[in-house]
Amino acid sequence: MTDKIRVETSVKDESLIETRRKQIVRAGVNLFREKGFHRATTREIAKAAGFSIGTLYEYIRTKEDVLYLVCDSIFHEVMTRLSHFPTNAGTLYELKEAIKQYFLLIDSMFDEFTIMYQETKSLPKEAMQYVLNKELEMVALFQEILSSCVGSGVLQMDDKALYLAANHLVVQGQSWAFRRWAIQKHYTIEEYIEMQTALFFNGILHFNEQSI
């Protein structure tokens, strides 16, 4: 698992740090959505979070810290949501449920995902690499679920196809965030999940069949 980047703070109370940083993340998401990362200021973030600029700097040091915290909160929610599903069950039901929960999470964190993909390039090199590594961890989670399905015999795929399929799932979930402006005109999130899952399963279940 990728080590978290340490965001400096002068506060010792861990529960207070967690509470305040959740407020900072919510404020940052709202401002980055409305104004963009570069136009938003730390003073505006502090005001939106409900405390002074001095208090803000007790919990973060830079505006990039706020963006990093937004990204990290996304990955925390993804792993928390998907950790309820056994990765070694080897059943298509568990795979379908993991896909559903992942897509629903993206829908519930639409702004956060959109900001992350628009603004990750603004992070310092170390933090950006952390975000990219966490992306790979999400892929690895689906890769493990798919691998267990291969192991139980319900899917037939080699390692290269399995890795590509895991990446496909992650990207198709994320496309609901950065393509929702067009997709939601035609589908609800439930319809999107149903159709994407059907297309995905049709592809992997017939992967080894020859076609013209």
Protein backbone atom coordinates (compact mmCIF):
# COMPACT_ATOMS: atom_id res chain seq x y z
CA MET A 1 0.00 0.00 0.00
CA THR A 2 1.24 3.47 -0.90
CA ASP A 3 2.47 5.50 2.07
CA LYS A 4 0.47 8.64 2.75
CA ILE A 5 2.06 12.04 2.31
CA ARG A 6 2.39 13.81 5.64
CA VAL A 7 0.59 17.16 5.69
CA GLU A 8 2.22 19.28 8.38
CA THR A 9 0.11 20.53 11.29
CA SER A 10 0.83 22.30 14.57
CA VAL A 11 -2.17 20.63 16.25
CA LYS A 12 -1.68 17.51 18.38
CA ASP A 13 -5.31 16.41 18.81
CA GLU A 14 -5.85 13.75 16.10
CA SER A 15 -9.65 13.85 16.32
CA LEU A 16 -9.63 17.63 15.94
CA ILE A 17 -7.26 17.38 12.98
CA GLU A 18 -9.62 14.93 11.30
CA THR A 19 -12.67 17.13 11.94
CA ARG A 20 -11.03 20.33 10.75
CA ARG A 21 -9.55 18.72 7.66
CA LYS A 22 -12.95 17.35 6.65
CA GLN A 23 -14.23 20.92 6.84
CA ILE A 24 -11.26 22.12 4.80
CA VAL A 25 -11.85 19.42 2.16
CA ARG A 26 -15.55 20.34 1.81
CA ALA A 27 -14.68 24.04 1.49
CA GLY A 28 -11.90 23.29 -0.99
CA VAL A 29 -14.14 21.13 -3.16
CA ASN A 30 -16.82 23.84 -3.34
CA LEU A 31 -14.34 26.58 -4.20
CA PHE A 32 -12.29 24.54 -6.68
CA ARG A 33 -15.54 23.59 -8.45
CA GLU A 34 -16.74 27.19 -8.62
CA LYS A 35 -13.48 29.03 -9.32
CA GLY A 36 -10.90 26.44 -10.26
CA PHE A 37 -7.88 25.49 -8.19
CA HIS A 38 -5.63 28.34 -9.32
CA ARG A 39 -8.16 31.13 -8.82
CA ALA A 40 -9.28 30.00 -5.35
CA THR A 41 -7.26 31.40 -2.42
CA THR A 42 -6.44 29.95 0.96
CA ARG A 43 -8.21 32.91 2.57
CA GLU A 44 -11.39 31.98 0.70
CA ILE A 45 -10.99 28.35 1.73
CA ALA A 46 -10.65 29.38 5.38
CA LYS A 47 -13.76 31.56 5.18
CA ALA A 48 -15.78 28.80 3.48
CA ALA A 49 -14.61 26.33 6.13
CA GLY A 50 -15.79 28.68 8.88
CA PHE A 51 -12.55 29.76 10.50
CA SER A 52 -9.74 32.29 10.18
CA ILE A 53 -6.77 32.09 7.85
CA GLY A 54 -4.56 31.65 10.90
CA THR A 55 -6.56 28.63 12.02
CA LEU A 56 -6.41 27.18 8.50
CA TYR A 57 -2.62 27.29 8.58
CA GLU A 58 -2.61 25.26 11.78
CA TYR A 59 -3.89 22.30 9.73
CA ILE A 60 -2.32 22.80 6.27
CA ARG A 61 0.64 24.74 4.91
CA THR A 62 -0.27 25.33 1.26
CA LYS A 63 -3.25 25.31 -1.08
CA GLU A 64 -1.73 22.21 -2.67
CA ASP A 65 -2.15 20.49 0.72
CA VAL A 66 -5.89 21.06 0.40
CA LEU A 67 -5.96 19.50 -3.08
CA TYR A 68 -3.95 16.56 -1.80
CA LEU A 69 -6.42 16.06 1.07
CA VAL A 70 -9.30 16.10 -1.42
CA CYS A 71 -7.60 13.39 -3.48
CA ASP A 72 -6.73 11.31 -0.44
CA SER A 73 -10.31 11.46 0.84
CA ILE A 74 -11.50 9.99 -2.47
CA PHE A 75 -9.20 6.99 -2.26
CA HIS A 76 -10.09 6.45 1.39
CA GLU A 77 -13.79 6.30 0.50
CA VAL A 78 -13.17 3.96 -2.44
CA MET A 79 -11.18 1.50 -0.35
CA THR A 80 -13.63 1.70 2.55
CA ARG A 81 -16.61 1.05 0.28
CA LEU A 82 -14.99 -1.82 -1.61
CA SER A 83 -13.39 -3.42 1.44
CA HIS A 84 -16.81 -4.90 2.28
CA PHE A 85 -16.48 -7.21 -0.71
CA PRO A 86 -14.28 -10.32 -0.39
CA THR A 87 -11.69 -10.19 -3.14
CA ASN A 88 -11.27 -13.98 -3.10
CA ALA A 89 -14.94 -15.02 -3.36
CA GLY A 90 -14.58 -15.93 -7.02
CA THR A 91 -18.20 -15.20 -7.94
CA LEU A 92 -19.68 -12.97 -10.60
CA TYR A 93 -22.18 -11.68 -8.03
CA GLU A 94 -19.43 -10.18 -5.87
CA LEU A 95 -17.79 -8.68 -8.95
CA LYS A 96 -21.08 -7.07 -10.03
CA GLU A 97 -21.68 -5.69 -6.55
CA ALA A 98 -18.16 -4.24 -6.36
CA ILE A 99 -18.69 -2.52 -9.72
CA LYS A 100 -22.04 -1.16 -8.54
CA GLN A 101 -20.67 0.23 -5.28
CA TYR A 102 -17.68 1.80 -7.04
CA PHE A 103 -19.88 3.53 -9.62
CA LEU A 104 -22.34 4.73 -6.94
CA LEU A 105 -19.43 6.14 -4.93
CA ILE A 106 -18.24 8.11 -7.95
CA ASP A 107 -21.76 9.47 -8.38
CA SER A 108 -21.86 10.54 -4.71
CA MET A 109 -18.41 12.17 -5.00
CA PHE A 110 -18.86 13.63 -8.47
CA ASP A 111 -17.29 17.01 -7.66
CA GLU A 112 -14.31 15.45 -5.87
CA PHE A 113 -13.49 13.07 -8.74
CA THR A 114 -13.85 15.82 -11.33
CA ILE A 115 -11.53 18.13 -9.40
CA MET A 116 -8.99 15.38 -8.87
CA TYR A 117 -8.69 14.66 -12.58
CA GLN A 118 -8.64 18.30 -13.56
CA GLU A 119 -6.15 19.47 -10.96
CA THR A 120 -3.82 16.57 -10.06
CA LYS A 121 -1.22 18.16 -12.34
CA SER A 122 -1.06 21.07 -9.85
CA LEU A 123 0.24 18.85 -7.06
CA PRO A 124 3.92 18.68 -6.12
CA LYS A 125 5.75 15.76 -7.72
CA GLU A 126 5.70 13.54 -4.63
CA ALA A 127 1.99 14.11 -3.98
CA MET A 128 1.12 13.59 -7.64
CA GLN A 129 2.97 10.28 -7.62
CA TYR A 130 1.02 9.29 -4.52
CA VAL A 131 -2.26 9.96 -6.35
CA LEU A 132 -1.12 7.94 -9.37
CA ASN A 133 -0.06 5.05 -7.12
CA LYS A 134 -3.45 5.09 -5.37
CA GLU A 135 -5.06 4.85 -8.80
CA LEU A 136 -3.05 1.69 -9.38
CA GLU A 137 -4.24 0.34 -6.03
CA MET A 138 -7.85 0.73 -7.21
CA VAL A 139 -6.96 -1.17 -10.36
CA ALA A 140 -5.24 -3.86 -8.27
CA LEU A 141 -8.35 -4.29 -6.15
CA PHE A 142 -10.50 -5.07 -9.20
CA GLN A 143 -7.66 -7.14 -10.62
CA GLU A 144 -7.73 -9.30 -7.49
CA ILE A 145 -11.51 -9.77 -7.70
CA LEU A 146 -11.26 -10.72 -11.37
CA SER A 147 -8.36 -13.05 -10.65
CA SER A 148 -10.41 -14.91 -8.05
CA CYS A 149 -13.15 -15.36 -10.65
CA VAL A 150 -10.58 -16.86 -13.01
CA GLY A 151 -9.36 -19.10 -10.20
CA SER A 152 -12.88 -20.38 -9.51
CA GLY A 153 -13.43 -21.07 -13.20
CA VAL A 154 -16.26 -18.60 -13.87
CA LEU A 155 -13.99 -16.48 -16.09
CA GLN A 156 -11.28 -17.44 -18.56
CA MET A 157 -8.70 -14.70 -19.06
CA ASP A 158 -4.93 -14.50 -19.15
CA ASP A 159 -3.02 -12.03 -16.98
CA LYS A 160 -2.72 -9.37 -19.67
CA ALA A 161 -6.44 -9.41 -20.41
CA LEU A 162 -7.24 -9.40 -16.70
CA TYR A 163 -5.11 -6.32 -16.05
CA LEU A 164 -6.70 -4.48 -18.96
CA ALA A 165 -10.20 -5.45 -17.76
CA ALA A 166 -9.44 -4.08 -14.27
CA ASN A 167 -8.25 -0.79 -15.77
CA HIS A 168 -11.37 -0.69 -17.93
CA LEU A 169 -13.61 -0.93 -14.87
CA VAL A 170 -11.81 1.89 -13.08
CA VAL A 171 -11.93 4.16 -16.13
CA GLN A 172 -15.57 3.45 -16.97
CA GLY A 173 -16.56 4.31 -13.42
CA GLN A 174 -14.59 7.54 -13.55
CA SER A 175 -16.11 8.47 -16.90
CA TRP A 176 -19.39 9.05 -15.07
CA ALA A 177 -17.64 11.99 -13.40
CA PHE A 178 -15.83 13.62 -16.29
CA ARG A 179 -18.41 12.75 -18.98
CA ARG A 180 -21.55 13.11 -16.88
CA TRP A 181 -22.35 16.44 -18.54
CA ALA A 182 -23.22 14.42 -21.67
CA ILE A 183 -24.12 10.96 -20.32
CA GLN A 184 -26.70 12.06 -17.74
CA LYS A 185 -28.83 13.50 -20.54
CA HIS A 186 -29.51 9.92 -21.61
CA TYR A 187 -29.08 7.71 -18.53
CA THR A 188 -29.66 7.75 -14.80
CA ILE A 189 -26.78 6.44 -12.69
CA GLU A 190 -28.71 3.19 -12.23
CA GLU A 191 -29.15 2.79 -15.99
CA TYR A 192 -25.50 3.66 -16.55
CA ILE A 193 -24.37 1.01 -14.06
CA GLU A 194 -26.67 -1.61 -15.58
CA MET A 195 -25.57 -0.97 -19.16
CA GLN A 196 -21.85 -0.61 -18.39
CA THR A 197 -21.93 -3.82 -16.35
CA ALA A 198 -23.75 -5.66 -19.15
CA LEU A 199 -21.26 -4.43 -21.76
CA PHE A 200 -18.33 -5.35 -19.53
CA PHE A 201 -19.59 -8.85 -18.78
CA ASN A 202 -20.50 -9.47 -22.41
CA GLY A 203 -16.92 -8.62 -23.30
CA ILE A 204 -15.11 -10.71 -20.69
CA LEU A 205 -17.44 -13.72 -20.87
CA HIS A 206 -16.88 -13.98 -24.62
CA PHE A 207 -13.22 -12.96 -24.53
CA ASN A 208 -11.90 -16.34 -25.65
CA GLU A 209 -14.51 -16.88 -28.34
CA GLN A 210 -13.32 -16.24 -31.84
CA SER A 211 -15.08 -13.46 -33.70
CA ILE A 212 -14.87 -11.96 -37.13
